[in-house]
Amino acid sequence: MNNLLGLIFISIGILADIFACLGLLRFPDVYNRLQVSTKCVTLGTCGIFFGVFLESGFTALGIKSLLIILFILLTSPVSAHALSRAAHKSAVKLCEKSVCDKYKEDGNNKG
C-alpha cells in the first residue's frame, strides 16, 4: 500500500513540475514566473520527496527526504518573496494586463 501511495505522490509531483515548466514558458512577466516556480518547487518537488519517503520508510533516505521537504517549505516562499521585492524595487515592469500594483498604491516602492 505504501508503494502505491508513494508512486501516486511521485506522479503528482512530476505532473506539477511539468505544468509549472509550461507556466514558466507561458507567463508574461517575472512576477508571474516567480509565482509559478514557487508552486512548482513546493508542490512538485515536495510531492516527489514525500513519495520517496513513502517508498523507503523511516530509513536514512526517508529521513533525508523529510528534511529536504522541511528545508524547501521554509526557504522557497521566502526566497521568492525576496526576489519579487527586489525586482519591484529595481523597477521591473509588470505585464500590461496586470490589474493593480499594491506596492505602488501604498507608496512602498522606495528603498
Protein backbone atom coordinates (compact mmCIF):
# COMPACT_ATOMS: atom_id res chain seq x y z
CA MET A 1 0.00 0.00 0.00
CA ASN A 2 2.84 2.44 0.81
CA ASN A 3 4.46 1.64 -2.53
CA LEU A 4 1.29 2.54 -4.43
CA LEU A 5 0.76 5.70 -2.40
CA GLY A 6 4.40 6.65 -2.92
CA LEU A 7 4.09 6.21 -6.68
CA ILE A 8 0.93 8.34 -6.67
CA PHE A 9 2.71 11.18 -4.85
CA ILE A 10 5.73 10.92 -7.15
CA SER A 11 3.44 11.02 -10.20
CA ILE A 12 1.56 14.05 -8.88
CA GLY A 13 4.88 15.78 -8.18
CA ILE A 14 6.20 15.09 -11.66
CA LEU A 15 2.94 16.30 -13.21
CA ALA A 16 3.08 19.50 -11.14
CA ASP A 17 6.67 20.08 -12.25
CA ILE A 18 5.71 19.60 -15.91
CA PHE A 19 2.80 22.04 -15.66
CA ALA A 20 4.97 24.54 -13.84
CA CYS A 21 7.60 24.34 -16.57
CA LEU A 22 4.88 25.12 -19.10
CA GLY A 23 3.81 28.04 -16.92
CA LEU A 24 7.37 29.37 -16.90
CA LEU A 25 7.24 29.45 -20.68
CA ARG A 26 3.74 30.92 -20.94
CA PHE A 27 3.55 33.54 -18.18
CA PRO A 28 4.30 37.10 -19.28
CA ASP A 29 6.43 38.72 -16.56
CA VAL A 30 8.93 37.98 -13.82
CA TYR A 31 6.36 38.16 -11.03
CA ASN A 32 4.05 35.56 -12.52
CA ARG A 33 7.01 33.33 -13.32
CA LEU A 34 8.25 33.58 -9.74
CA GLN A 35 4.82 32.57 -8.51
CA VAL A 36 4.63 29.51 -10.73
CA SER A 37 8.20 28.47 -9.94
CA THR A 38 7.45 28.63 -6.22
CA LYS A 39 4.38 26.48 -6.71
CA CYS A 40 6.50 24.08 -8.76
CA VAL A 41 9.03 23.66 -6.01
CA THR A 42 6.62 23.42 -3.11
CA LEU A 43 4.00 21.17 -4.68
CA GLY A 44 6.02 19.27 -7.27
CA THR A 45 9.35 18.68 -5.63
CA CYS A 46 7.92 18.18 -2.16
CA GLY A 47 5.45 15.70 -3.63
CA ILE A 48 8.28 13.75 -5.22
CA PHE A 49 10.27 13.69 -2.00
CA PHE A 50 7.23 12.68 0.03
CA GLY A 51 6.66 9.82 -2.39
CA VAL A 52 10.28 8.79 -1.91
CA PHE A 53 9.71 8.87 1.84
CA LEU A 54 6.64 6.65 1.50
CA GLU A 55 8.58 4.25 -0.69
CA SER A 56 11.60 3.98 1.60
CA GLY A 57 10.02 4.42 5.03
CA PHE A 58 11.99 5.54 8.06
CA THR A 59 15.38 4.72 6.62
CA ALA A 60 18.25 7.15 6.12
CA LEU A 61 16.85 8.02 2.69
CA GLY A 62 13.36 8.61 4.10
CA ILE A 63 14.58 10.87 6.88
CA LYS A 64 16.68 12.86 4.41
CA SER A 65 13.62 13.25 2.20
CA LEU A 66 11.61 14.66 5.10
CA LEU A 67 14.43 17.06 5.97
CA ILE A 68 14.61 18.23 2.37
CA ILE A 69 10.84 18.82 2.37
CA LEU A 70 11.13 20.88 5.54
CA PHE A 71 14.01 22.91 4.12
CA ILE A 72 12.16 23.57 0.85
CA LEU A 73 8.97 24.61 2.64
CA LEU A 74 10.90 27.06 4.79
CA THR A 75 13.12 28.62 2.13
CA SER A 76 11.23 28.60 -1.17
CA PRO A 77 8.46 31.10 -0.36
CA VAL A 78 10.87 33.41 1.45
CA SER A 79 13.32 33.46 -1.44
CA ALA A 80 10.54 34.04 -3.99
CA HIS A 81 9.26 36.96 -1.93
CA ALA A 82 12.74 38.45 -1.66
CA LEU A 83 13.30 38.10 -5.41
CA SER A 84 9.96 39.67 -6.31
CA ARG A 85 10.50 42.55 -3.89
CA ALA A 86 13.98 43.15 -5.32
CA ALA A 87 12.58 43.08 -8.85
CA HIS A 88 9.90 45.58 -7.86
CA LYS A 89 12.42 47.90 -6.21
CA SER A 90 14.59 47.67 -9.33
CA ALA A 91 11.61 48.94 -11.34
CA VAL A 92 10.97 45.76 -13.31
CA LYS A 93 7.68 46.46 -15.06
CA LEU A 94 4.54 44.43 -14.58
CA CYS A 95 2.73 42.90 -17.52
CA GLU A 96 0.44 45.30 -19.40
CA LYS A 97 -2.54 43.11 -18.44
CA SER A 98 -1.87 43.44 -14.71
CA VAL A 99 -4.84 44.84 -12.87
CA CYS A 100 -3.23 46.52 -9.86
CA ASP A 101 0.09 47.23 -8.20
CA LYS A 102 -0.37 47.29 -4.43
CA TYR A 103 3.22 48.35 -3.70
CA LYS A 104 2.84 51.40 -5.91
CA GLU A 105 -0.57 52.24 -4.44
CA ASP A 106 0.74 52.06 -0.87
CA GLY A 107 3.85 54.06 -1.68
CA ASN A 108 6.17 51.19 -0.70
CA ASN A 109 8.14 51.21 -3.93
CA LYS A 110 11.02 53.18 -2.45
CA GLY A 111 14.05 51.63 -0.74
